[in-house]
PDB file of N, CA and C in Angstrom:
ATOM      1  N   MET A   1       0.947  -1.356  -0.017  1.00  0.00           N
ATOM      2  CA  MET A   1      -0.055  -0.249   0.036  1.00  0.00           C
ATOM      3  C   MET A   1       0.627   1.535  -0.140  1.00  0.00           C
ATOM      4  N   GLU A   2       0.567   1.867  -1.083  1.00  0.00           N
ATOM      5  CA  GLU A   2       1.511   3.188  -0.998  1.00  0.00           C
ATOM      6  C   GLU A   2       0.804   4.390  -0.025  1.00  0.00           C
ATOM      7  N   THR A   3       1.112   5.069   0.253  1.00  0.00           N
ATOM      8  CA  THR A   3       0.995   6.326   1.156  1.00  0.00           C
ATOM      9  C   THR A   3       0.131   7.662   0.574  1.00  0.00           C
ATOM     10  N   ILE A   4       0.454   8.038  -0.732  1.00  0.00           N
ATOM     11  CA  ILE A   4      -0.838   8.925  -1.283  1.00  0.00           C
ATOM     12  C   ILE A   4      -1.929   8.638  -1.173  1.00  0.00           C
ATOM     13  N   PRO A   5      -1.803   7.473  -2.011  1.00  0.00           N
ATOM     14  CA  PRO A   5      -3.526   6.879  -2.306  1.00  0.00           C
ATOM     15  C   PRO A   5      -4.277   6.868  -1.340  1.00  0.00           C
ATOM     16  N   PHE A   6      -3.504   5.912  -0.028  1.00  0.00           N
ATOM     17  CA  PHE A   6      -3.884   6.050   1.489  1.00  0.00           C
ATOM     18  C   PHE A   6      -4.629   6.883   1.816  1.00  0.00           C
ATOM     19  N   LEU A   7      -3.885   8.250   1.706  1.00  0.00           N
ATOM     20  CA  LEU A   7      -4.210   9.318   2.759  1.00  0.00           C
ATOM     21  C   LEU A   7      -5.517  10.045   1.718  1.00  0.00           C
ATOM     22  N   LYS A   8      -4.901  10.117   0.353  1.00  0.00           N
ATOM     23  CA  LYS A   8      -6.567  10.797  -0.769  1.00  0.00           C
ATOM     24  C   LYS A   8      -7.772   9.805  -0.405  1.00  0.00           C
ATOM     25  N   CYS A   9      -7.389   8.683   0.207  1.00  0.00           N
ATOM     26  CA  CYS A   9      -8.702   7.515   0.537  1.00  0.00           C
ATOM     27  C   CYS A   9      -9.229   8.323   1.578  1.00  0.00           C
ATOM     28  N   LEU A  10      -8.755   8.320   2.328  1.00  0.00           N
ATOM     29  CA  LEU A  10      -9.171   9.351   3.536  1.00  0.00           C
ATOM     30  C   LEU A  10      -9.463  10.781   3.912  1.00  0.00           C
ATOM     31  N   SER A  11      -8.947  11.508   2.660  1.00  0.00           N
ATOM     32  CA  SER A  11      -8.843  12.917   2.555  1.00  0.00           C
ATOM     33  C   SER A  11     -11.165  13.163   2.668  1.00  0.00           C
ATOM     34  N   ASP A  12     -11.520  12.116   2.105  1.00  0.00           N
ATOM     35  CA  ASP A  12     -12.830  12.602   2.500  1.00  0.00           C
ATOM     36  C   ASP A  12     -14.036  12.429   3.345  1.00  0.00           C
ATOM     37  N   PRO A  13     -14.796  13.441   4.483  1.00  0.00           N
ATOM     38  CA  PRO A  13     -14.698  12.973   5.780  1.00  0.00           C
ATOM     39  C   PRO A  13     -15.810  12.061   5.505  1.00  0.00           C
ATOM     40  N   THR A  14     -16.825  11.770   4.840  1.00  0.00           N
ATOM     41  CA  THR A  14     -17.370  10.693   4.365  1.00  0.00           C
ATOM     42  C   THR A  14     -16.529   9.051   4.684  1.00  0.00           C
ATOM     43  N   ARG A  15     -15.538   8.833   3.999  1.00  0.00           N
ATOM     44  CA  ARG A  15     -15.028   7.810   3.910  1.00  0.00           C
ATOM     45  C   ARG A  15     -13.921   8.030   5.554  1.00  0.00           C
ATOM     46  N   LEU A  16     -13.354   8.992   5.847  1.00  0.00           N
ATOM     47  CA  LEU A  16     -12.836   9.095   6.667  1.00  0.00           C
ATOM     48  C   LEU A  16     -13.464   8.738   8.358  1.00  0.00           C
ATOM     49  N   MET A  17     -14.983   9.307   8.636  1.00  0.00           N
ATOM     50  CA  MET A  17     -15.662   8.668   9.705  1.00  0.00           C
ATOM     51  C   MET A  17     -16.103   7.605   9.392  1.00  0.00           C
ATOM     52  N   SER A  18     -17.020   6.742   7.886  1.00  0.00           N
ATOM     53  CA  SER A  18     -16.898   5.940   7.791  1.00  0.00           C
ATOM     54  C   SER A  18     -15.623   4.407   8.159  1.00  0.00           C
ATOM     55  N   THR A  19     -14.604   4.917   8.181  1.00  0.00           N
ATOM     56  CA  THR A  19     -12.998   4.339   8.425  1.00  0.00           C
ATOM     57  C   THR A  19     -12.922   4.098   9.889  1.00  0.00           C
ATOM     58  N   LEU A  20     -13.398   5.752  10.189  1.00  0.00           N
ATOM     59  CA  LEU A  20     -13.064   5.579  12.277  1.00  0.00           C
ATOM     60  C   LEU A  20     -14.260   4.900  12.668  1.00  0.00           C
ATOM     61  N   LEU A  21     -15.734   4.943  12.220  1.00  0.00           N
ATOM     62  CA  LEU A  21     -16.494   4.071  12.871  1.00  0.00           C
ATOM     63  C   LEU A  21     -16.100   2.354  13.405  1.00  0.00           C
ATOM     64  N   ILE A  22     -16.094   2.003  12.062  1.00  0.00           N
ATOM     65  CA  ILE A  22     -15.165   0.731  11.733  1.00  0.00           C
ATOM     66  C   ILE A  22     -14.572   0.336  12.484  1.00  0.00           C
ATOM     67  N   ARG A  23     -13.254   0.943  12.494  1.00  0.00           N
ATOM     68  CA  ARG A  23     -11.893   0.837  13.680  1.00  0.00           C
ATOM     69  C   ARG A  23     -12.717   1.200  15.328  1.00  0.00           C
ATOM     70  N   SER A  24     -13.827   1.753  15.694  1.00  0.00           N
ATOM     71  CA  SER A  24     -13.869   1.700  16.673  1.00  0.00           C
ATOM     72  C   SER A  24     -14.879   0.491  17.026  1.00  0.00           C
ATOM     73  N   GLU A  25     -15.774   0.260  15.785  1.00  0.00           N
ATOM     74  CA  GLU A  25     -16.846  -1.255  16.050  1.00  0.00           C
ATOM     75  C   GLU A  25     -16.009  -2.229  15.817  1.00  0.00           C
ATOM     76  N   GLY A  26     -15.135  -2.714  15.178  1.00  0.00           N
ATOM     77  CA  GLY A  26     -14.700  -3.883  14.470  1.00  0.00           C
ATOM     78  C   GLY A  26     -15.115  -4.111  13.311  1.00  0.00           C
ATOM     79  N   GLU A  27     -16.502  -4.055  13.085  1.00  0.00           N
ATOM     80  CA  GLU A  27     -16.875  -4.613  11.414  1.00  0.00           C
ATOM     81  C   GLU A  27     -18.459  -4.128  11.578  1.00  0.00           C
ATOM     82  N   LEU A  28     -18.442  -3.104  10.259  1.00  0.00           N
ATOM     83  CA  LEU A  28     -20.111  -2.641  10.237  1.00  0.00           C
ATOM     84  C   LEU A  28     -20.970  -2.596   8.988  1.00  0.00           C
ATOM     85  N   CYS A  29     -22.176  -2.964   9.012  1.00  0.00           N
ATOM     86  CA  CYS A  29     -22.391  -3.433   7.790  1.00  0.00           C
ATOM     87  C   CYS A  29     -23.241  -1.916   7.162  1.00  0.00           C
ATOM     88  N   VAL A  30     -23.427  -1.621   6.272  1.00  0.00           N
ATOM     89  CA  VAL A  30     -24.099  -0.412   5.182  1.00  0.00           C
ATOM     90  C   VAL A  30     -25.481   0.336   6.190  1.00  0.00           C
ATOM     91  N   CYS A  31     -26.230  -0.429   6.702  1.00  0.00           N
ATOM     92  CA  CYS A  31     -27.432   0.157   7.676  1.00  0.00           C
ATOM     93  C   CYS A  31     -26.755   1.202   8.719  1.00  0.00           C
ATOM     94  N   GLU A  32     -25.846   0.145   9.308  1.00  0.00           N
ATOM     95  CA  GLU A  32     -25.189   0.963  10.620  1.00  0.00           C
ATOM     96  C   GLU A  32     -24.648   1.927  10.111  1.00  0.00           C
ATOM     97  N   LEU A  33     -23.905   2.027   8.889  1.00  0.00           N
ATOM     98  CA  LEU A  33     -23.595   3.232   8.769  1.00  0.00           C
ATOM     99  C   LEU A  33     -24.164   4.332   8.466  1.00  0.00           C
ATOM    100  N   THR A  34     -25.114   4.145   7.946  1.00  0.00           N
ATOM    101  CA  THR A  34     -26.138   5.311   7.375  1.00  0.00           C
ATOM    102  C   THR A  34     -26.896   6.180   8.318  1.00  0.00           C
ATOM    103  N   GLU A  35     -27.161   4.892   9.580  1.00  0.00           N
ATOM    104  CA  GLU A  35     -27.472   5.786  10.728  1.00  0.00           C
ATOM    105  C   GLU A  35     -26.337   6.615  11.831  1.00  0.00           C
ATOM    106  N   ALA A  36     -25.545   6.189  11.242  1.00  0.00           N
ATOM    107  CA  ALA A  36     -24.532   6.507  12.231  1.00  0.00           C
ATOM    108  C   ALA A  36     -24.184   7.634  11.880  1.00  0.00           C
ATOM    109  N   LEU A  37     -24.133   8.137  10.516  1.00  0.00           N
ATOM    110  CA  LEU A  37     -24.032   8.935   9.842  1.00  0.00           C
ATOM    111  C   LEU A  37     -24.690   9.637   9.655  1.00  0.00           C
ATOM    112  N   GLU A  38     -26.043   9.321   9.646  1.00  0.00           N
ATOM    113  CA  GLU A  38     -27.201  10.313   8.373  1.00  0.00           C
ATOM    114  C   GLU A  38     -26.995  10.671   7.322  1.00  0.00           C
ATOM    115  N   MET A  39     -26.671   9.615   6.487  1.00  0.00           N
ATOM    116  CA  MET A  39     -26.557   9.633   5.329  1.00  0.00           C
ATOM    117  C   MET A  39     -27.634   8.387   4.414  1.00  0.00           C
ATOM    118  N   SER A  40     -27.516   8.512   3.583  1.00  0.00           N
ATOM    119  CA  SER A  40     -28.122   7.348   2.428  1.00  0.00           C
ATOM    120  C   SER A  40     -27.453   6.088   1.994  1.00  0.00           C
ATOM    121  N   GLN A  41     -28.191   4.981   1.996  1.00  0.00           N
ATOM    122  CA  GLN A  41     -27.524   3.602   2.009  1.00  0.00           C
ATOM    123  C   GLN A  41     -26.714   3.882   0.438  1.00  0.00           C
ATOM    124  N   PRO A  42     -26.981   4.441  -0.926  1.00  0.00           N
ATOM    125  CA  PRO A  42     -26.445   4.341  -1.979  1.00  0.00           C
ATOM    126  C   PRO A  42     -24.959   5.996  -1.909  1.00  0.00           C
ATOM    127  N   LYS A  43     -24.619   6.397  -1.368  1.00  0.00           N
ATOM    128  CA  LYS A  43     -23.541   7.272  -0.861  1.00  0.00           C
ATOM    129  C   LYS A  43     -22.681   6.863   0.097  1.00  0.00           C
ATOM    130  N   ILE A  44     -23.398   5.947   0.930  1.00  0.00           N
ATOM    131  CA  ILE A  44     -22.575   5.010   2.159  1.00  0.00           C
ATOM    132  C   ILE A  44     -21.754   4.179   1.025  1.00  0.00           C
ATOM    133  N   SER A  45     -22.305   3.192   0.437  1.00  0.00           N
ATOM    134  CA  SER A  45     -22.040   2.627  -0.512  1.00  0.00           C
ATOM    135  C   SER A  45     -21.263   2.724  -1.356  1.00  0.00           C
ATOM    136  N   ARG A  46     -21.196   4.038  -2.231  1.00  0.00           N
ATOM    137  CA  ARG A  46     -20.358   3.995  -3.096  1.00  0.00           C
ATOM    138  C   ARG A  46     -18.978   4.569  -2.450  1.00  0.00           C
ATOM    139  N   HIS A  47     -19.157   5.310  -0.911  1.00  0.00           N
ATOM    140  CA  HIS A  47     -17.489   5.450  -0.349  1.00  0.00           C
ATOM    141  C   HIS A  47     -17.138   4.331   0.252  1.00  0.00           C
ATOM    142  N   LEU A  48     -18.284   2.975   0.306  1.00  0.00           N
ATOM    143  CA  LEU A  48     -17.277   2.207   1.209  1.00  0.00           C
ATOM    144  C   LEU A  48     -16.164   1.307  -0.101  1.00  0.00           C
ATOM    145  N   ALA A  49     -17.197   1.438  -1.535  1.00  0.00           N
ATOM    146  CA  ALA A  49     -16.879   0.894  -2.544  1.00  0.00           C
ATOM    147  C   ALA A  49     -15.161   1.317  -2.865  1.00  0.00           C
ATOM    148  N   GLN A  50     -14.815   2.676  -2.414  1.00  0.00           N
ATOM    149  CA  GLN A  50     -13.335   3.496  -2.776  1.00  0.00           C
ATOM    150  C   GLN A  50     -12.620   2.982  -1.696  1.00  0.00           C
ATOM    151  N   LEU A  51     -13.227   2.871  -0.715  1.00  0.00           N
ATOM    152  CA  LEU A  51     -11.997   1.893   0.770  1.00  0.00           C
ATOM    153  C   LEU A  51     -11.918   0.727   0.700  1.00  0.00           C
ATOM    154  N   ARG A  52     -12.885   0.109  -0.089  1.00  0.00           N
ATOM    155  CA  ARG A  52     -12.173  -0.864  -0.368  1.00  0.00           C
ATOM    156  C   ARG A  52     -11.062  -1.285  -1.580  1.00  0.00           C
ATOM    157  N   GLU A  53     -11.664  -0.442  -2.890  1.00  0.00           N
ATOM    158  CA  GLU A  53     -10.723  -0.677  -3.498  1.00  0.00           C
ATOM    159  C   GLU A  53      -9.215   0.140  -3.253  1.00  0.00           C
ATOM    160  N   CYS A  54      -9.243   1.718  -2.226  1.00  0.00           N
ATOM    161  CA  CYS A  54      -7.694   1.889  -1.819  1.00  0.00           C
ATOM    162  C   CYS A  54      -7.403   0.656  -0.840  1.00  0.00           C
ATOM    163  N   GLN A  55      -7.979  -0.447  -0.234  1.00  0.00           N
ATOM    164  CA  GLN A  55      -7.980  -1.702   0.540  1.00  0.00           C
ATOM    165  C   GLN A  55      -7.258  -0.886   1.838  1.00  0.00           C
ATOM    166  N   LEU A  56      -8.243  -0.392   1.829  1.00  0.00           N
ATOM    167  CA  LEU A  56      -8.129  -0.129   3.344  1.00  0.00           C
ATOM    168  C   LEU A  56      -9.177  -0.890   4.450  1.00  0.00           C
ATOM    169  N   LEU A  57     -10.648  -1.355   3.472  1.00  0.00           N
ATOM    170  CA  LEU A  57     -11.188  -1.795   4.259  1.00  0.00           C
ATOM    171  C   LEU A  57     -11.819  -3.578   3.240  1.00  0.00           C
ATOM    172  N   GLN A  58     -11.925  -4.495   4.129  1.00  0.00           N
ATOM    173  CA  GLN A  58     -12.127  -5.349   3.775  1.00  0.00           C
ATOM    174  C   GLN A  58     -13.455  -6.063   3.855  1.00  0.00           C
ATOM    175  N   ASP A  59     -14.238  -6.899   3.416  1.00  0.00           N
ATOM    176  CA  ASP A  59     -15.509  -7.303   3.338  1.00  0.00           C
ATOM    177  C   ASP A  59     -15.913  -8.512   3.691  1.00  0.00           C
ATOM    178  N   ARG A  60     -17.007  -8.889   4.326  1.00  0.00           N
ATOM    179  CA  ARG A  60     -17.374 -10.173   4.525  1.00  0.00           C
ATOM    180  C   ARG A  60     -19.303 -10.313   4.083  1.00  0.00           C
ATOM    181  N   ARG A  61     -19.354 -11.415   4.075  1.00  0.00           N
ATOM    182  CA  ARG A  61     -21.083 -11.390   3.526  1.00  0.00           C
ATOM    183  C   ARG A  61     -21.825 -12.245   4.542  1.00  0.00           C
ATOM    184  N   GLN A  62     -22.614 -12.004   4.664  1.00  0.00           N
ATOM    185  CA  GLN A  62     -23.864 -12.691   5.864  1.00  0.00           C
ATOM    186  C   GLN A  62     -25.092 -12.768   4.840  1.00  0.00           C
ATOM    187  N   GLY A  63     -25.723 -13.430   4.741  1.00  0.00           N
ATOM    188  CA  GLY A  63     -26.593 -13.855   3.741  1.00  0.00           C
ATOM    189  C   GLY A  63     -26.404 -12.708   2.551  1.00  0.00           C
ATOM    190  N   GLN A  64     -27.573 -11.166   2.517  1.00  0.00           N
ATOM    191  CA  GLN A  64     -27.458 -10.629   1.541  1.00  0.00           C
ATOM    192  C   GLN A  64     -26.754  -9.035   2.002  1.00  0.00           C
ATOM    193  N   TRP A  65     -26.401  -9.140   3.437  1.00  0.00           N
ATOM    194  CA  TRP A  65     -25.596  -8.087   3.949  1.00  0.00           C
ATOM    195  C   TRP A  65     -24.233  -8.217   3.900  1.00  0.00           C
ATOM    196  N   ILE A  66     -23.452  -7.263   4.322  1.00  0.00           N
ATOM    197  CA  ILE A  66     -22.103  -6.968   3.674  1.00  0.00           C
ATOM    198  C   ILE A  66     -21.087  -6.338   4.990  1.00  0.00           C
ATOM    199  N   PHE A  67     -20.658  -6.563   5.914  1.00  0.00           N
ATOM    200  CA  PHE A  67     -20.264  -6.322   6.873  1.00  0.00           C
ATOM    201  C   PHE A  67     -18.590  -5.946   6.256  1.00  0.00           C
ATOM    202  N   TYR A  68     -18.349  -4.851   7.017  1.00  0.00           N
ATOM    203  CA  TYR A  68     -16.860  -3.706   7.036  1.00  0.00           C
ATOM    204  C   TYR A  68     -16.082  -4.054   7.740  1.00  0.00           C
ATOM    205  N   SER A  69     -14.556  -4.365   7.825  1.00  0.00           N
ATOM    206  CA  SER A  69     -13.401  -4.354   9.080  1.00  0.00           C
ATOM    207  C   SER A  69     -12.621  -3.808   7.659  1.00  0.00           C
ATOM    208  N   LEU A  70     -11.318  -3.318   9.232  1.00  0.00           N
ATOM    209  CA  LEU A  70     -10.323  -2.828   8.471  1.00  0.00           C
ATOM    210  C   LEU A  70      -9.636  -4.469   7.647  1.00  0.00           C
ATOM    211  N   SER A  71      -8.935  -3.854   6.520  1.00  0.00           N
ATOM    212  CA  SER A  71      -8.132  -4.753   6.168  1.00  0.00           C
ATOM    213  C   SER A  71      -7.038  -5.659   6.754  1.00  0.00           C
ATOM    214  N   ASP A  72      -7.030  -6.574   6.580  1.00  0.00           N
ATOM    215  CA  ASP A  72      -6.190  -7.549   7.018  1.00  0.00           C
ATOM    216  C   ASP A  72      -4.487  -6.979   6.992  1.00  0.00           C
ATOM    217  N   ALA A  73      -4.331  -6.456   5.566  1.00  0.00           N
ATOM    218  CA  ALA A  73      -3.154  -6.033   4.990  1.00  0.00           C
ATOM    219  C   ALA A  73      -2.594  -5.008   4.702  1.00  0.00           C
ATOM    220  N   LEU A  74      -3.453  -4.310   6.058  1.00  0.00           N
ATOM    221  CA  LEU A  74      -3.561  -2.886   6.061  1.00  0.00           C
ATOM    222  C   LEU A  74      -1.756  -2.769   6.887  1.00  0.00           C
ATOM    223  N   PRO A  75      -0.514  -1.934   6.802  1.00  0.00           N
ATOM    224  CA  PRO A  75       0.265  -1.607   7.034  1.00  0.00           C
ATOM    225  C   PRO A  75       0.574  -0.689   8.015  1.00  0.00           C
ATOM    226  N   SER A  76       1.229  -1.134  10.034  1.00  0.00           N
ATOM    227  CA  SER A  76       1.102  -0.577  10.617  1.00  0.00           C
ATOM    228  C   SER A  76       1.264   0.695  10.803  1.00  0.00           C
ATOM    229  N   TRP A  77       1.423   1.492   9.597  1.00  0.00           N
ATOM    230  CA  TRP A  77       1.462   3.080   9.417  1.00  0.00           C
ATOM    231  C   TRP A  77       0.550   3.562   9.427  1.00  0.00           C
ATOM    232  N   GLY A  78      -0.309   3.050   8.848  1.00  0.00           N
ATOM    233  CA  GLY A  78      -2.233   2.961   8.536  1.00  0.00           C
ATOM    234  C   GLY A  78      -2.704   2.869   9.517  1.00  0.00           C
ATOM    235  N   HIS A  79      -2.178   1.943  10.557  1.00  0.00           N
ATOM    236  CA  HIS A  79      -3.425   1.861  11.623  1.00  0.00           C
ATOM    237  C   HIS A  79      -2.566   2.639  12.668  1.00  0.00           C
ATOM    238  N   HIS A  80      -1.410   3.317  12.720  1.00  0.00           N
ATOM    239  CA  HIS A  80      -1.404   4.663  13.167  1.00  0.00           C
ATOM    240  C   HIS A  80      -1.828   5.900  13.009  1.00  0.00           C
ATOM    241  N   ILE A  81      -2.007   6.308  11.638  1.00  0.00           N
ATOM    242  CA  ILE A  81      -2.577   6.861  11.483  1.00  0.00           C
ATOM    243  C   ILE A  81      -4.258   7.583  11.310  1.00  0.00           C
ATOM    244  N   ILE A  82      -4.515   6.067  11.117  1.00  0.00           N
ATOM    245  CA  ILE A  82      -6.428   5.942  11.834  1.00  0.00           C
ATOM    246  C   ILE A  82      -6.424   5.852  13.273  1.00  0.00           C
ATOM    247  N   ASP A  83      -5.396   5.800  14.173  1.00  0.00           N
ATOM    248  CA  ASP A  83      -5.692   5.894  15.608  1.00  0.00           C
ATOM    249  C   ASP A  83      -4.889   7.665  16.023  1.00  0.00           C
ATOM    250  N   ALA A  84      -4.548   7.951  15.032  1.00  0.00           N
ATOM    251  CA  ALA A  84      -4.328   9.543  15.331  1.00  0.00           C
ATOM    252  C   ALA A  84      -5.424   9.943  14.795  1.00  0.00           C
ATOM    253  N   ALA A  85      -5.973   9.558  13.842  1.00  0.00           N
ATOM    254  CA  ALA A  85      -7.420  10.989  13.454  1.00  0.00           C
ATOM    255  C   ALA A  85      -8.674   9.783  14.429  1.00  0.00           C
ATOM    256  N   LEU A  86      -8.555   9.132  15.219  1.00  0.00           N
ATOM    257  CA  LEU A  86      -9.505   8.751  16.123  1.00  0.00           C
ATOM    258  C   LEU A  86      -9.610   9.472  17.131  1.00  0.00           C
ATOM    259  N   ILE A  87      -8.216  10.292  17.491  1.00  0.00           N
ATOM    260  CA  ILE A  87      -8.210  11.432  18.674  1.00  0.00           C
ATOM    261  C   ILE A  87      -8.313  12.673  18.079  1.00  0.00           C
ATOM    262  N   ALA A  88      -8.220  13.175  16.749  1.00  0.00           N
ATOM    263  CA  ALA A  88      -8.552  14.402  16.398  1.00  0.00           C
ATOM    264  C   ALA A  88     -10.223  14.606  16.177  1.00  0.00           C
ATOM    265  N   GLN A  89     -10.683  13.064  15.485  1.00  0.00           N
ATOM    266  CA  GLN A  89     -12.424  13.639  15.584  1.00  0.00           C
ATOM    267  C   GLN A  89     -12.996  12.991  16.254  1.00  0.00           C
ATOM    268  N   ALA A  90     -12.489  13.321  17.222  1.00  0.00           N
ATOM    269  CA  ALA A  90     -13.002  12.665  18.764  1.00  0.00           C
ATOM    270  C   ALA A  90     -14.632  13.249  18.405  1.00  0.00           C
ATOM    271  N   ARG A  91     -14.698  14.416  18.776  1.00  0.00           N
ATOM    272  CA  ARG A  91     -16.196  14.631  19.181  1.00  0.00           C
ATOM    273  C   ARG A  91     -16.777  14.168  18.147  1.00  0.00           C
ATOM    274  N   GLU A  92     -17.012  14.467  16.979  1.00  0.00           N
ATOM    275  CA  GLU A  92     -16.894  13.801  15.601  1.00  0.00           C
ATOM    276  C   GLU A  92     -17.624  12.193  15.931  1.00  0.00           C
ATOM    277  N   LEU A  93     -16.702  11.663  16.242  1.00  0.00           N
ATOM    278  CA  LEU A  93     -16.883  10.601  16.089  1.00  0.00           C
ATOM    279  C   LEU A  93     -17.345   9.664  17.003  1.00  0.00           C
ATOM    280  N   ASN A  94     -17.905  10.635  17.874  1.00  0.00           N
ATOM    281  CA  ASN A  94     -18.607  10.622  19.450  1.00  0.00           C
ATOM    282  C   ASN A  94     -20.267  10.305  19.420  1.00  0.00           C
ATOM    283  N   GLU A  95     -20.818  11.663  18.342  1.00  0.00           N
ATOM    284  CA  GLU A  95     -21.775  11.803  18.056  1.00  0.00           C
ATOM    285  C   GLU A  95     -22.049  10.565  17.287  1.00  0.00           C
ATOM    286  N   ALA A  96     -21.628  10.505  15.848  1.00  0.00           N
ATOM    287  CA  ALA A  96     -21.897   9.064  15.264  1.00  0.00           C
ATOM    288  C   ALA A  96     -21.986   8.300  16.162  1.00  0.00           C
ATOM    289  N   LEU A  97     -20.684   7.153  17.190  1.00  0.00           N
ATOM    290  CA  LEU A  97     -21.186   6.360  17.942  1.00  0.00           C
ATOM    291  C   LEU A  97     -22.507   6.121  18.820  1.00  0.00           C
ATOM    292  N   THR A  98     -22.807   7.712  19.329  1.00  0.00           N
ATOM    293  CA  THR A  98     -24.487   7.695  19.952  1.00  0.00           C
ATOM    294  C   THR A  98     -25.401   7.560  18.936  1.00  0.00           C
ATOM    295  N   ARG A  99     -25.335   8.221  17.732  1.00  0.00           N
ATOM    296  CA  ARG A  99     -26.204   8.098  16.868  1.00  0.00           C
ATOM    297  C   ARG A  99     -26.450   6.496  16.471  1.00  0.00           C
ATOM    298  N   LEU A 100     -25.486   5.954  16.439  1.00  0.00           N
ATOM    299  CA  LEU A 100     -25.177   3.949  16.553  1.00  0.00           C
ATOM    300  C   LEU A 100     -25.883   3.560  17.361  1.00  0.00           C
ATOM    301  N   GLN A 101     -25.612   3.609  18.636  1.00  0.00           N
ATOM    302  CA  GLN A 101     -25.983   3.248  20.060  1.00  0.00           C
ATOM    303  C   GLN A 101     -27.309   2.910  19.938  1.00  0.00           C
ATOM    304  N   ARG A 102     -27.789   4.244  18.904  1.00  0.00           N
ATOM    305  CA  ARG A 102     -29.673   4.282  19.495  1.00  0.00           C
ATOM    306  C   ARG A 102     -30.165   2.962  18.566  1.00  0.00           C
ATOM    307  N   MET A 103     -29.233   2.130  17.902  1.00  0.00           N
ATOM    308  CA  MET A 103     -29.999   1.575  17.098  1.00  0.00           C
ATOM    309  C   MET A 103     -30.213   0.041  18.119  1.00  0.00           C
ATOM    310  N   GLY A 104     -29.626  -0.006  19.441  1.00  0.00           N
ATOM    311  CA  GLY A 104     -29.081  -0.730  20.433  1.00  0.00           C
ATOM    312  C   GLY A 104     -28.298  -1.230  19.891  1.00  0.00           C
ATOM    313  N   ASP A 105     -27.985  -2.474  20.596  1.00  0.00           N
ATOM    314  CA  ASP A 105     -26.518  -3.562  20.602  1.00  0.00           C
ATOM    315  C   ASP A 105     -26.738  -4.295  19.389  1.00  0.00           C
ATOM    316  N   ARG A 106     -25.529  -5.067  19.267  1.00  0.00           N
ATOM    317  CA  ARG A 106     -25.449  -5.872  17.632  1.00  0.00           C
ATOM    318  C   ARG A 106     -26.311  -6.249  17.712  1.00  0.00           C
ATOM    319  N   PRO A 107     -26.309  -7.080  18.552  1.00  0.00           N
ATOM    320  CA  PRO A 107     -28.382  -8.286  18.153  1.00  0.00           C
ATOM    321  C   PRO A 107     -29.231  -7.909  17.473  1.00  0.00           C
ATOM    322  N   ALA A 108     -29.530  -6.962  18.163  1.00  0.00           N
ATOM    323  CA  ALA A 108     -31.029  -5.492  18.379  1.00  0.00           C
ATOM    324  C   ALA A 108     -30.500  -5.208  16.677  1.00  0.00           C
ATOM    325  N   ARG A 109     -29.189  -4.549  16.492  1.00  0.00           N
ATOM    326  CA  ARG A 109     -28.879  -3.915  14.889  1.00  0.00           C
ATOM    327  C   ARG A 109     -29.334  -5.046  14.315  1.00  0.00           C
ATOM    328  N   THR A 110     -28.132  -6.127  14.541  1.00  0.00           N
ATOM    329  CA  THR A 110     -28.584  -6.989  13.099  1.00  0.00           C
ATOM    330  C   THR A 110     -30.304  -7.201  13.396  1.00  0.00           C
ATOM    331  N   GLU A 111     -31.124  -7.274  14.060  1.00  0.00           N
ATOM    332  CA  GLU A 111     -32.443  -7.676  13.910  1.00  0.00           C
ATOM    333  C   GLU A 111     -33.196  -6.551  12.801  1.00  0.00           C
ATOM    334  N   ARG A 112     -32.231  -5.428  13.201  1.00  0.00           N
ATOM    335  CA  ARG A 112     -33.225  -4.226  12.510  1.00  0.00           C
ATOM    336  C   ARG A 112     -32.706  -3.986  11.371  1.00  0.00           C
ATOM    337  N   CYS A 113     -31.760  -4.547  10.943  1.00  0.00           N
ATOM    338  CA  CYS A 113     -31.186  -4.016   9.670  1.00  0.00           C
ATOM    339  C   CYS A 113     -30.588  -4.943   9.009  1.00  0.00           C
ATOM    340  N   CYS A 114     -29.994  -6.095   9.273  1.00  0.00           N
ATOM    341  CA  CYS A 114     -28.853  -7.354   8.649  1.00  0.00           C
ATOM    342  C   CYS A 114     -29.724  -8.163   8.463  1.00  0.00           C
ATOM    343  N   GLU A 115     -31.018  -8.655   9.238  1.00  0.00           N
ATOM    344  CA  GLU A 115     -31.225  -9.398   8.724  1.00  0.00           C
ATOM    345  C   GLU A 115     -32.863  -9.771   6.961  1.00  0.00           C
TER     346      GLU A 115
END
């Protein structure tokens, strides 16, 4: 993974917040991200596709739903940059996490939007 494409991929606010939410939660599906970021499913899906193309994210399918997590191939410097962004974006991230938590715990969220 090269540094410039990595940073360009994170330069968009939606892609950055999606990555930070996924980093915080371990993995998330599109419906969870739409709730947390208060954005439409097509917009979130488009940004997730770009994050996959940049090799920041990987996905796994569960039925018709796709769950996203940080790529296993992400180099340590990439993790350090994302962790630094977690601190820098703490207020915005906490607001998004609060919206996500309103969906309930993972089993309740899964029933609500991922079944």
